[in-house]
Amino acid sequence: MNYDIFNGDADGIIALLQLRLANPIVSELVTGVKRDIQLLEKVAVRSGDSLTVLDISMEKNRGALLGALEVGAIVYYADHHRCGEIPVHQHLQAYIDLDANTCTALIIDKFLEGQFHLWAITAAFGDNLIAKANKLAEKAGLSQKQTEQLNELGTLINYNGYGSKTQDLHFHPADLYLALLKYPNPFDVIADADSPFYQLQSAYRQDMDKVLAIESCHRSANLSVFELPDSAWSRRISGVYGNYLANQEPDSAHGVLTDNNDGTYTVSLRAPLNNKQGAGDICSQFDTGGGRAAAAGINALAKTDLDRFIKTVKEFYT
């Protein structure tokens, strides 16, 4: 049995998209909302199964990974999040790059020697690697308009991945992946009036209008924090709003809190764009937290821990 296991954000979807455009196979898709990262646990692995695992932390999936290898599965693993110690096993191919200026789709792009390079650029935009994506677009000879189009497409695919459950999303990530698989070139998505691009574009604009009306609840020299209400639109916009804020004030960290209506917040933390380090380490100090150097999150931060979170972030970036 073949399993494609991937993060439901732009990076995970487009990483798999490139692989399957290059090498189509029949597989079972295993994915979910962006924060649903312990995906290996959802697979009942048997000997001889083939697992392609993309854009989910090896550290968070270590137990299930070791279990899969122990029963005789073959695992291809590509990621850029915290990995812990990478197991050495004859059935594991691991392509891990923790550089803050890369993403899983760019790792796959290198593996495929640029076969679907425009898709990789789209993913880099979606993962908020704006400077990197702009350089790649310029090197690829794209016009300013084309570059802006890939930026918007990547942002919209990423936007679709945020929510506490798949019902919050406009498309289930597996359905969005399958819809995009029809387009070897990302510009074909934009050219097709019936593609997911236009539905996501309209929804994104509505959610952004709502969030831009919210004032910060904390602001200091190196950190701004925004609290969003308990609602589906808040959960959808939280991550891309964090990216938006990071680009507006690149010398500051930004925290976006979404009220879970149970005494906790879902947290999206963005390191300063001009100092892309530490976000994953900060969030990992809190239960249910993790991520990478430039962007990380906490699934359930107790409201009583908010002051400690703010203090930790401010001290780190002072």
C-alpha atoms as a PDB file:
ATOM      1  CA  MET A   1       0.000   0.000   0.000  1.00  0.00           C
ATOM      2  CA  ASN A   2       1.239   3.496  -0.849  1.00  0.00           C
ATOM      3  CA  TYR A   3       0.545   6.361   1.541  1.00  0.00           C
ATOM      4  CA  ASP A   4       1.105  10.041   0.820  1.00  0.00           C
ATOM      5  CA  ILE A   5       1.212  11.804   4.196  1.00  0.00           C
ATOM      6  CA  PHE A   6       1.451  15.580   4.020  1.00  0.00           C
ATOM      7  CA  ASN A   7       0.784  18.831   5.830  1.00  0.00           C
ATOM      8  CA  GLY A   8      -2.425  20.526   4.678  1.00  0.00           C
ATOM      9  CA  ASP A   9      -0.771  23.896   4.028  1.00  0.00           C
ATOM     10  CA  ALA A  10       0.736  25.281   0.806  1.00  0.00           C
ATOM     11  CA  ASP A  11       4.146  23.754   1.430  1.00  0.00           C
ATOM     12  CA  GLY A  12       2.877  20.254   2.127  1.00  0.00           C
ATOM     13  CA  ILE A  13       0.357  20.243  -0.713  1.00  0.00           C
ATOM     14  CA  ILE A  14       2.779  21.625  -3.290  1.00  0.00           C
ATOM     15  CA  ALA A  15       5.628  19.367  -2.173  1.00  0.00           C
ATOM     16  CA  LEU A  16       3.418  16.353  -2.906  1.00  0.00           C
ATOM     17  CA  LEU A  17       2.070  17.969  -6.056  1.00  0.00           C
ATOM     18  CA  GLN A  18       5.568  18.153  -7.536  1.00  0.00           C
ATOM     19  CA  LEU A  19       6.364  14.550  -6.622  1.00  0.00           C
ATOM     20  CA  ARG A  20       3.160  13.159  -8.106  1.00  0.00           C
ATOM     21  CA  LEU A  21       3.320  15.253 -11.265  1.00  0.00           C
ATOM     22  CA  ALA A  22       6.782  13.737 -11.774  1.00  0.00           C
ATOM     23  CA  ASN A  23       5.878  10.237 -10.560  1.00  0.00           C
ATOM     24  CA  PRO A  24       2.129   9.465 -10.517  1.00  0.00           C
ATOM     25  CA  ILE A  25       1.117   6.582  -8.253  1.00  0.00           C
ATOM     26  CA  VAL A  26      -2.071   5.281  -6.675  1.00  0.00           C
ATOM     27  CA  SER A  27      -1.930   6.171  -2.990  1.00  0.00           C
ATOM     28  CA  GLU A  28      -4.030   6.827   0.083  1.00  0.00           C
ATOM     29  CA  LEU A  29      -3.891  10.487   1.081  1.00  0.00           C
ATOM     30  CA  VAL A  30      -3.365  11.286   4.762  1.00  0.00           C
ATOM     31  CA  THR A  31      -3.589  14.965   5.701  1.00  0.00           C
ATOM     32  CA  GLY A  32      -5.581  17.484   7.715  1.00  0.00           C
ATOM     33  CA  VAL A  33      -5.537  21.058   8.924  1.00  0.00           C
ATOM     34  CA  LYS A  34      -2.128  22.700   9.094  1.00  0.00           C
ATOM     35  CA  ARG A  35      -1.684  22.052  12.820  1.00  0.00           C
ATOM     36  CA  ASP A  36      -2.618  18.389  12.507  1.00  0.00           C
ATOM     37  CA  ILE A  37       0.972  17.211  12.231  1.00  0.00           C
ATOM     38  CA  GLN A  38       1.087  13.849  14.030  1.00  0.00           C
ATOM     39  CA  LEU A  39      -0.213  12.235  10.890  1.00  0.00           C
ATOM     40  CA  LEU A  40       1.901   9.073  10.925  1.00  0.00           C
ATOM     41  CA  GLU A  41      -0.112   7.836  13.896  1.00  0.00           C
ATOM     42  CA  LYS A  42      -3.188   7.695  11.663  1.00  0.00           C
ATOM     43  CA  VAL A  43      -1.735   5.021   9.399  1.00  0.00           C
ATOM     44  CA  ALA A  44      -1.961   1.304  10.216  1.00  0.00           C
ATOM     45  CA  VAL A  45       1.368   0.412   8.630  1.00  0.00           C
ATOM     46  CA  ARG A  46       2.170  -3.063   7.352  1.00  0.00           C
ATOM     47  CA  SER A  47       5.354  -4.656   6.082  1.00  0.00           C
ATOM     48  CA  GLY A  48       6.120  -3.563   2.548  1.00  0.00           C
ATOM     49  CA  ASP A  49       4.020  -0.405   2.695  1.00  0.00           C
ATOM     50  CA  SER A  50       5.545   2.692   1.114  1.00  0.00           C
ATOM     51  CA  LEU A  51       5.184   5.975   2.993  1.00  0.00           C
ATOM     52  CA  THR A  52       5.941   9.412   1.542  1.00  0.00           C
ATOM     53  CA  VAL A  53       5.960  11.903   4.413  1.00  0.00           C
ATOM     54  CA  LEU A  54       6.111  15.620   3.672  1.00  0.00           C
ATOM     55  CA  ASP A  55       6.271  18.802   5.739  1.00  0.00           C
ATOM     56  CA  ILE A  56       5.540  17.401   9.193  1.00  0.00           C
ATOM     57  CA  SER A  57       8.046  17.425  12.041  1.00  0.00           C
ATOM     58  CA  MET A  58      10.015  14.200  12.376  1.00  0.00           C
ATOM     59  CA  GLU A  59      10.477  15.017  16.056  1.00  0.00           C
ATOM     60  CA  LYS A  60       6.684  15.037  16.581  1.00  0.00           C
ATOM     61  CA  ASN A  61       6.261  11.789  14.605  1.00  0.00           C
ATOM     62  CA  ARG A  62       9.322   9.920  15.823  1.00  0.00           C
ATOM     63  CA  GLY A  63       7.519   7.111  17.644  1.00  0.00           C
ATOM     64  CA  ALA A  64       5.230   6.312  14.712  1.00  0.00           C
ATOM     65  CA  LEU A  65       8.158   6.576  12.278  1.00  0.00           C
ATOM     66  CA  LEU A  66      10.241   4.079  14.267  1.00  0.00           C
ATOM     67  CA  GLY A  67       7.213   1.793  14.459  1.00  0.00           C
ATOM     68  CA  ALA A  68       6.703   1.939  10.695  1.00  0.00           C
ATOM     69  CA  LEU A  69      10.346   1.119  10.023  1.00  0.00           C
ATOM     70  CA  GLU A  70      10.248  -1.724  12.562  1.00  0.00           C
ATOM     71  CA  VAL A  71       7.371  -3.495  10.799  1.00  0.00           C
ATOM     72  CA  GLY A  72       9.153  -3.223   7.444  1.00  0.00           C
ATOM     73  CA  ALA A  73       7.721  -0.121   5.759  1.00  0.00           C
ATOM     74  CA  ILE A  74       9.779   1.942   3.320  1.00  0.00           C
ATOM     75  CA  VAL A  75       9.746   5.639   4.208  1.00  0.00           C
ATOM     76  CA  TYR A  76      10.660   8.697   2.135  1.00  0.00           C
ATOM     77  CA  TYR A  77      10.689  11.739   4.455  1.00  0.00           C
ATOM     78  CA  ALA A  78      11.218  15.373   3.464  1.00  0.00           C
ATOM     79  CA  ASP A  79      10.809  18.287   5.862  1.00  0.00           C
ATOM     80  CA  HIS A  80      12.226  21.533   7.271  1.00  0.00           C
ATOM     81  CA  HIS A  81      10.836  21.513  10.836  1.00  0.00           C
ATOM     82  CA  ARG A  82      12.488  20.417  14.079  1.00  0.00           C
ATOM     83  CA  CYS A  83      13.584  16.833  13.514  1.00  0.00           C
ATOM     84  CA  GLY A  84      15.385  15.650  16.637  1.00  0.00           C
ATOM     85  CA  GLU A  85      17.806  12.792  16.009  1.00  0.00           C
ATOM     86  CA  ILE A  86      17.255  11.338  12.533  1.00  0.00           C
ATOM     87  CA  PRO A  87      17.061   7.515  12.668  1.00  0.00           C
ATOM     88  CA  VAL A  88      19.576   5.591  10.592  1.00  0.00           C
ATOM     89  CA  HIS A  89      17.734   2.791   8.822  1.00  0.00           C
ATOM     90  CA  GLN A  90      18.087   1.051   5.467  1.00  0.00           C
ATOM     91  CA  HIS A  91      14.410   1.688   4.678  1.00  0.00           C
ATOM     92  CA  LEU A  92      14.474   5.420   5.478  1.00  0.00           C
ATOM     93  CA  GLN A  93      15.370   8.119   2.991  1.00  0.00           C
ATOM     94  CA  ALA A  94      15.444  11.405   4.893  1.00  0.00           C
ATOM     95  CA  TYR A  95      15.765  14.784   3.205  1.00  0.00           C
ATOM     96  CA  ILE A  96      15.787  17.226   6.112  1.00  0.00           C
ATOM     97  CA  ASP A  97      16.926  20.852   5.820  1.00  0.00           C
ATOM     98  CA  LEU A  98      16.400  23.150   8.819  1.00  0.00           C
ATOM     99  CA  ASP A  99      17.568  26.325   7.048  1.00  0.00           C
ATOM    100  CA  ALA A 100      15.118  29.125   7.891  1.00  0.00           C
ATOM    101  CA  ASN A 101      15.115  30.154   4.212  1.00  0.00           C
ATOM    102  CA  THR A 102      13.886  26.892   2.763  1.00  0.00           C
ATOM    103  CA  CYS A 103      10.684  24.850   2.804  1.00  0.00           C
ATOM    104  CA  THR A 104       9.728  21.281   1.953  1.00  0.00           C
ATOM    105  CA  ALA A 105       8.611  22.148  -1.581  1.00  0.00           C
ATOM    106  CA  LEU A 106      12.040  23.668  -2.268  1.00  0.00           C
ATOM    107  CA  ILE A 107      13.675  20.497  -0.923  1.00  0.00           C
ATOM    108  CA  ILE A 108      11.545  18.495  -3.378  1.00  0.00           C
ATOM    109  CA  ASP A 109      12.330  20.999  -6.140  1.00  0.00           C
ATOM    110  CA  LYS A 110      16.032  20.271  -5.648  1.00  0.00           C
ATOM    111  CA  PHE A 111      15.377  16.516  -5.586  1.00  0.00           C
ATOM    112  CA  LEU A 112      13.440  16.757  -8.861  1.00  0.00           C
ATOM    113  CA  GLU A 113      16.037  19.078 -10.402  1.00  0.00           C
ATOM    114  CA  GLY A 114      13.501  21.838 -10.987  1.00  0.00           C
ATOM    115  CA  GLN A 115      10.953  19.873 -13.042  1.00  0.00           C
ATOM    116  CA  PHE A 116       8.072  21.915 -11.592  1.00  0.00           C
ATOM    117  CA  HIS A 117      10.031  24.914 -10.412  1.00  0.00           C
ATOM    118  CA  LEU A 118       7.171  27.402 -10.741  1.00  0.00           C
ATOM    119  CA  TRP A 119       5.162  25.346  -8.270  1.00  0.00           C
ATOM    120  CA  ALA A 120       8.107  25.388  -5.856  1.00  0.00           C
ATOM    121  CA  ILE A 121       8.246  29.184  -6.088  1.00  0.00           C
ATOM    122  CA  THR A 122       4.507  29.291  -5.360  1.00  0.00           C
ATOM    123  CA  ALA A 123       5.049  27.192  -2.240  1.00  0.00           C
ATOM    124  CA  ALA A 124       7.878  29.444  -1.067  1.00  0.00           C
ATOM    125  CA  PHE A 125       5.536  32.419  -1.294  1.00  0.00           C
ATOM    126  CA  GLY A 126       2.874  30.450   0.589  1.00  0.00           C
ATOM    127  CA  ASP A 127       5.359  29.627   3.345  1.00  0.00           C
ATOM    128  CA  ASN A 128       6.183  33.346   3.656  1.00  0.00           C
ATOM    129  CA  LEU A 129       9.688  33.000   2.221  1.00  0.00           C
ATOM    130  CA  ILE A 130       9.003  36.190   0.299  1.00  0.00           C
ATOM    131  CA  ALA A 131      12.585  37.372  -0.260  1.00  0.00           C
ATOM    132  CA  LYS A 132      13.677  33.871  -1.304  1.00  0.00           C
ATOM    133  CA  ALA A 133      10.677  33.428  -3.620  1.00  0.00           C
ATOM    134  CA  ASN A 134      11.219  36.841  -5.205  1.00  0.00           C
ATOM    135  CA  LYS A 135      14.837  35.961  -5.980  1.00  0.00           C
ATOM    136  CA  LEU A 136      13.795  32.632  -7.485  1.00  0.00           C
ATOM    137  CA  ALA A 137      11.106  34.332  -9.559  1.00  0.00           C
ATOM    138  CA  GLU A 138      13.578  36.909 -10.850  1.00  0.00           C
ATOM    139  CA  LYS A 139      16.086  34.179 -11.700  1.00  0.00           C
ATOM    140  CA  ALA A 140      13.320  32.293 -13.541  1.00  0.00           C
ATOM    141  CA  GLY A 141      12.643  35.383 -15.660  1.00  0.00           C
ATOM    142  CA  LEU A 142       9.137  36.026 -14.379  1.00  0.00           C
ATOM    143  CA  SER A 143       7.561  39.443 -14.826  1.00  0.00           C
ATOM    144  CA  GLN A 144       6.417  41.457 -11.813  1.00  0.00           C
ATOM    145  CA  LYS A 145       2.810  40.532 -12.590  1.00  0.00           C
ATOM    146  CA  GLN A 146       3.614  36.819 -12.814  1.00  0.00           C
ATOM    147  CA  THR A 147       5.543  37.014  -9.548  1.00  0.00           C
ATOM    148  CA  GLU A 148       2.595  38.697  -7.835  1.00  0.00           C
ATOM    149  CA  GLN A 149       0.253  36.013  -9.196  1.00  0.00           C
ATOM    150  CA  LEU A 150       2.352  33.190  -7.745  1.00  0.00           C
ATOM    151  CA  ASN A 151       2.567  35.083  -4.459  1.00  0.00           C
ATOM    152  CA  GLU A 152      -1.208  35.345  -4.282  1.00  0.00           C
ATOM    153  CA  LEU A 153      -1.782  31.714  -5.272  1.00  0.00           C
ATOM    154  CA  GLY A 154       0.683  30.459  -2.655  1.00  0.00           C
ATOM    155  CA  THR A 155      -0.897  32.655  -0.001  1.00  0.00           C
ATOM    156  CA  LEU A 156      -4.393  31.405  -0.832  1.00  0.00           C
ATOM    157  CA  ILE A 157      -3.410  27.732  -0.729  1.00  0.00           C
ATOM    158  CA  ASN A 158      -1.743  28.340   2.634  1.00  0.00           C
ATOM    159  CA  TYR A 159      -4.761  30.265   3.919  1.00  0.00           C
ATOM    160  CA  ASN A 160      -6.956  27.250   3.210  1.00  0.00           C
ATOM    161  CA  GLY A 161      -4.958  25.076   5.619  1.00  0.00           C
ATOM    162  CA  TYR A 162      -5.735  26.961   8.814  1.00  0.00           C
ATOM    163  CA  GLY A 163      -8.551  25.890  11.112  1.00  0.00           C
ATOM    164  CA  SER A 164      -9.134  23.792  14.208  1.00  0.00           C
ATOM    165  CA  LYS A 165     -10.960  21.190  12.101  1.00  0.00           C
ATOM    166  CA  THR A 166     -11.377  20.520   8.397  1.00  0.00           C
ATOM    167  CA  GLN A 167     -14.946  21.856   8.562  1.00  0.00           C
ATOM    168  CA  ASP A 168     -13.442  25.331   9.118  1.00  0.00           C
ATOM    169  CA  LEU A 169     -11.718  25.143   5.726  1.00  0.00           C
ATOM    170  CA  HIS A 170     -13.100  25.968   2.307  1.00  0.00           C
ATOM    171  CA  PHE A 171     -11.527  22.800   0.848  1.00  0.00           C
ATOM    172  CA  HIS A 172     -10.350  19.667   2.598  1.00  0.00           C
ATOM    173  CA  PRO A 173      -6.576  19.690   1.946  1.00  0.00           C
ATOM    174  CA  ALA A 174      -6.757  16.340   0.162  1.00  0.00           C
ATOM    175  CA  ASP A 175      -9.487  17.684  -2.135  1.00  0.00           C
ATOM    176  CA  LEU A 176      -7.509  20.857  -2.806  1.00  0.00           C
ATOM    177  CA  TYR A 177      -4.427  18.800  -3.644  1.00  0.00           C
ATOM    178  CA  LEU A 178      -6.416  16.646  -6.076  1.00  0.00           C
ATOM    179  CA  ALA A 179      -7.969  19.734  -7.681  1.00  0.00           C
ATOM    180  CA  LEU A 180      -4.534  21.304  -8.203  1.00  0.00           C
ATOM    181  CA  LEU A 181      -3.029  18.081  -9.537  1.00  0.00           C
ATOM    182  CA  LYS A 182      -4.749  18.836 -12.860  1.00  0.00           C
ATOM    183  CA  TYR A 183      -2.402  21.801 -13.403  1.00  0.00           C
ATOM    184  CA  PRO A 184       1.284  21.123 -14.193  1.00  0.00           C
ATOM    185  CA  ASN A 185       1.792  24.905 -14.288  1.00  0.00           C
ATOM    186  CA  PRO A 186       0.469  27.194 -11.520  1.00  0.00           C
ATOM    187  CA  PHE A 187      -0.447  29.868 -14.058  1.00  0.00           C
ATOM    188  CA  ASP A 188      -2.981  27.401 -15.478  1.00  0.00           C
ATOM    189  CA  VAL A 189      -4.807  27.482 -12.130  1.00  0.00           C
ATOM    190  CA  ILE A 190      -5.150  31.247 -12.357  1.00  0.00           C
ATOM    191  CA  ALA A 191      -6.223  31.069 -15.999  1.00  0.00           C
ATOM    192  CA  ASP A 192      -9.064  28.643 -15.212  1.00  0.00           C
ATOM    193  CA  ALA A 193     -12.118  30.555 -13.947  1.00  0.00           C
ATOM    194  CA  ASP A 194     -13.457  27.330 -12.401  1.00  0.00           C
ATOM    195  CA  SER A 195     -10.321  26.541 -10.395  1.00  0.00           C
ATOM    196  CA  PRO A 196     -10.156  26.817  -6.563  1.00  0.00           C
ATOM    197  CA  PHE A 197      -8.175  30.061  -6.933  1.00  0.00           C
ATOM    198  CA  TYR A 198     -11.197  32.318  -7.311  1.00  0.00           C
ATOM    199  CA  GLN A 199     -13.261  30.826  -4.476  1.00  0.00           C
ATOM    200  CA  LEU A 200     -10.287  31.140  -2.137  1.00  0.00           C
ATOM    201  CA  GLN A 201      -9.514  34.661  -3.337  1.00  0.00           C
ATOM    202  CA  SER A 202     -13.019  35.894  -2.498  1.00  0.00           C
ATOM    203  CA  ALA A 203     -13.087  34.185   0.916  1.00  0.00           C
ATOM    204  CA  TYR A 204      -9.609  35.421   1.825  1.00  0.00           C
ATOM    205  CA  ARG A 205     -10.516  39.028   1.112  1.00  0.00           C
ATOM    206  CA  GLN A 206     -13.593  38.798   3.340  1.00  0.00           C
ATOM    207  CA  ASP A 207     -11.634  37.305   6.244  1.00  0.00           C
ATOM    208  CA  MET A 208      -8.800  39.835   5.890  1.00  0.00           C
ATOM    209  CA  ASP A 209     -11.250  42.742   6.008  1.00  0.00           C
ATOM    210  CA  LYS A 210     -12.480  41.451   9.381  1.00  0.00           C
ATOM    211  CA  VAL A 211      -9.069  40.860  10.924  1.00  0.00           C
ATOM    212  CA  LEU A 212      -7.603  44.203   9.832  1.00  0.00           C
ATOM    213  CA  ALA A 213     -10.218  45.940  11.987  1.00  0.00           C
ATOM    214  CA  ILE A 214      -8.791  44.387  15.177  1.00  0.00           C
ATOM    215  CA  GLU A 215      -6.379  46.430  17.342  1.00  0.00           C
ATOM    216  CA  SER A 216      -3.342  44.886  19.021  1.00  0.00           C
ATOM    217  CA  CYS A 217      -3.715  43.790  22.648  1.00  0.00           C
ATOM    218  CA  HIS A 218       0.023  44.138  23.291  1.00  0.00           C
ATOM    219  CA  ARG A 219       2.624  46.223  21.518  1.00  0.00           C
ATOM    220  CA  SER A 220       6.274  46.782  22.415  1.00  0.00           C
ATOM    221  CA  ALA A 221       9.518  47.473  20.580  1.00  0.00           C
ATOM    222  CA  ASN A 222       9.998  43.854  19.487  1.00  0.00           C
ATOM    223  CA  LEU A 223       6.575  42.199  19.770  1.00  0.00           C
ATOM    224  CA  SER A 224       2.978  42.850  18.735  1.00  0.00           C
ATOM    225  CA  VAL A 225       0.142  40.560  19.794  1.00  0.00           C
ATOM    226  CA  PHE A 226      -3.380  40.380  18.377  1.00  0.00           C
ATOM    227  CA  GLU A 227      -6.315  38.492  19.905  1.00  0.00           C
ATOM    228  CA  LEU A 228      -8.958  37.093  17.541  1.00  0.00           C
ATOM    229  CA  PRO A 229     -12.413  35.836  18.580  1.00  0.00           C
ATOM    230  CA  ASP A 230     -13.589  32.239  18.666  1.00  0.00           C
ATOM    231  CA  SER A 231     -14.894  31.871  15.091  1.00  0.00           C
ATOM    232  CA  ALA A 232     -14.201  29.898  11.931  1.00  0.00           C
ATOM    233  CA  TRP A 233     -12.991  32.985  10.049  1.00  0.00           C
ATOM    234  CA  SER A 234     -10.486  33.764  12.844  1.00  0.00           C
ATOM    235  CA  ARG A 235      -9.044  30.267  12.683  1.00  0.00           C
ATOM    236  CA  ARG A 236      -8.816  30.437   8.886  1.00  0.00           C
ATOM    237  CA  ILE A 237      -7.007  33.770   8.731  1.00  0.00           C
ATOM    238  CA  SER A 238      -4.697  33.454  11.764  1.00  0.00           C
ATOM    239  CA  GLY A 239      -1.632  32.038  10.045  1.00  0.00           C
ATOM    240  CA  VAL A 240      -1.598  34.144   6.904  1.00  0.00           C
ATOM    241  CA  TYR A 241      -2.392  37.198   9.041  1.00  0.00           C
ATOM    242  CA  GLY A 242       0.735  36.430  11.046  1.00  0.00           C
ATOM    243  CA  ASN A 243       2.696  36.335   7.794  1.00  0.00           C
ATOM    244  CA  TYR A 244       1.118  39.630   6.711  1.00  0.00           C
ATOM    245  CA  LEU A 245       2.106  41.299   9.987  1.00  0.00           C
ATOM    246  CA  ALA A 246       5.654  39.967   9.732  1.00  0.00           C
ATOM    247  CA  ASN A 247       6.059  41.552   6.322  1.00  0.00           C
ATOM    248  CA  GLN A 248       4.631  44.878   7.534  1.00  0.00           C
ATOM    249  CA  GLU A 249       7.084  45.147  10.456  1.00  0.00           C
ATOM    250  CA  PRO A 250      10.114  42.944   9.683  1.00  0.00           C
ATOM    251  CA  ASP A 251      12.076  43.955  12.806  1.00  0.00           C
ATOM    252  CA  SER A 252       9.349  42.790  15.209  1.00  0.00           C
ATOM    253  CA  ALA A 253       7.980  39.414  16.277  1.00  0.00           C
ATOM    254  CA  HIS A 254       4.226  38.920  15.989  1.00  0.00           C
ATOM    255  CA  GLY A 255       1.804  36.737  17.886  1.00  0.00           C
ATOM    256  CA  VAL A 256      -1.746  35.985  16.750  1.00  0.00           C
ATOM    257  CA  LEU A 257      -4.002  34.487  19.422  1.00  0.00           C
ATOM    258  CA  THR A 258      -7.285  32.798  18.544  1.00  0.00           C
ATOM    259  CA  ASP A 259      -9.686  32.218  21.423  1.00  0.00           C
ATOM    260  CA  ASN A 260     -10.564  28.513  21.719  1.00  0.00           C
ATOM    261  CA  ASN A 261     -13.494  29.216  24.068  1.00  0.00           C
ATOM    262  CA  ASP A 262     -12.102  26.761  26.628  1.00  0.00           C
ATOM    263  CA  GLY A 263      -9.637  28.905  28.545  1.00  0.00           C
ATOM    264  CA  THR A 264      -6.907  28.546  25.928  1.00  0.00           C
ATOM    265  CA  TYR A 265      -5.596  30.267  22.818  1.00  0.00           C
ATOM    266  CA  THR A 266      -4.307  28.846  19.580  1.00  0.00           C
ATOM    267  CA  VAL A 267      -1.093  30.786  18.938  1.00  0.00           C
ATOM    268  CA  SER A 268       0.677  31.640  15.684  1.00  0.00           C
ATOM    269  CA  LEU A 269       4.128  33.125  16.321  1.00  0.00           C
ATOM    270  CA  ARG A 270       6.275  34.760  13.648  1.00  0.00           C
ATOM    271  CA  ALA A 271       9.904  35.604  14.296  1.00  0.00           C
ATOM    272  CA  PRO A 272      11.081  38.980  12.969  1.00  0.00           C
ATOM    273  CA  LEU A 273      11.725  38.603   9.248  1.00  0.00           C
ATOM    274  CA  ASN A 274      15.089  40.271   9.764  1.00  0.00           C
ATOM    275  CA  ASN A 275      15.976  37.774  12.502  1.00  0.00           C
ATOM    276  CA  LYS A 276      14.376  34.487  11.480  1.00  0.00           C
ATOM    277  CA  GLN A 277      15.261  32.329  14.450  1.00  0.00           C
ATOM    278  CA  GLY A 278      13.822  31.056  17.683  1.00  0.00           C
ATOM    279  CA  ALA A 279      10.077  30.760  17.030  1.00  0.00           C
ATOM    280  CA  GLY A 280      10.081  26.957  17.194  1.00  0.00           C
ATOM    281  CA  ASP A 281      12.281  26.924  20.296  1.00  0.00           C
ATOM    282  CA  ILE A 282      10.020  29.443  22.053  1.00  0.00           C
ATOM    283  CA  CYS A 283       6.794  27.601  21.295  1.00  0.00           C
ATOM    284  CA  SER A 284       8.316  24.244  22.231  1.00  0.00           C
ATOM    285  CA  GLN A 285       8.673  25.541  25.796  1.00  0.00           C
ATOM    286  CA  PHE A 286       4.879  25.340  26.087  1.00  0.00           C
ATOM    287  CA  ASP A 287       2.700  22.221  25.985  1.00  0.00           C
ATOM    288  CA  THR A 288       1.286  21.562  22.482  1.00  0.00           C
ATOM    289  CA  GLY A 289       3.844  23.969  20.980  1.00  0.00           C
ATOM    290  CA  GLY A 290       6.353  23.519  18.173  1.00  0.00           C
ATOM    291  CA  GLY A 291       7.380  24.664  14.715  1.00  0.00           C
ATOM    292  CA  ARG A 292      10.416  25.987  12.908  1.00  0.00           C
ATOM    293  CA  ALA A 293      12.833  28.861  13.382  1.00  0.00           C
ATOM    294  CA  ALA A 294      10.842  31.500  11.506  1.00  0.00           C
ATOM    295  CA  ALA A 295       7.278  30.420  12.275  1.00  0.00           C
ATOM    296  CA  ALA A 296       5.752  28.295  14.995  1.00  0.00           C
ATOM    297  CA  GLY A 297       2.630  27.829  17.067  1.00  0.00           C
ATOM    298  CA  ILE A 298       0.951  26.509  20.170  1.00  0.00           C
ATOM    299  CA  ASN A 299      -2.281  24.567  19.794  1.00  0.00           C
ATOM    300  CA  ALA A 300      -3.613  25.322  23.275  1.00  0.00           C
ATOM    301  CA  LEU A 301      -1.902  28.016  25.345  1.00  0.00           C
ATOM    302  CA  ALA A 302      -3.631  28.441  28.711  1.00  0.00           C
ATOM    303  CA  LYS A 303      -4.777  32.042  29.074  1.00  0.00           C
ATOM    304  CA  THR A 304      -3.037  32.080  32.440  1.00  0.00           C
ATOM    305  CA  ASP A 305       0.240  31.477  30.558  1.00  0.00           C
ATOM    306  CA  LEU A 306      -0.165  34.422  28.205  1.00  0.00           C
ATOM    307  CA  ASP A 307       1.989  36.797  30.266  1.00  0.00           C
ATOM    308  CA  ARG A 308       4.741  34.166  30.438  1.00  0.00           C
ATOM    309  CA  PHE A 309       4.524  33.660  26.681  1.00  0.00           C
ATOM    310  CA  ILE A 310       4.808  37.398  26.004  1.00  0.00           C
ATOM    311  CA  LYS A 311       7.733  37.720  28.417  1.00  0.00           C
ATOM    312  CA  THR A 312       9.519  34.744  26.825  1.00  0.00           C
ATOM    313  CA  VAL A 313       9.165  36.158  23.314  1.00  0.00           C
ATOM    314  CA  LYS A 314      10.248  39.664  24.303  1.00  0.00           C
ATOM    315  CA  GLU A 315      13.305  38.406  26.179  1.00  0.00           C
ATOM    316  CA  PHE A 316      14.354  36.177  23.304  1.00  0.00           C
ATOM    317  CA  TYR A 317      14.329  38.998  20.755  1.00  0.00           C
ATOM    318  CA  THR A 318      15.820  41.700  23.032  1.00  0.00           C
END
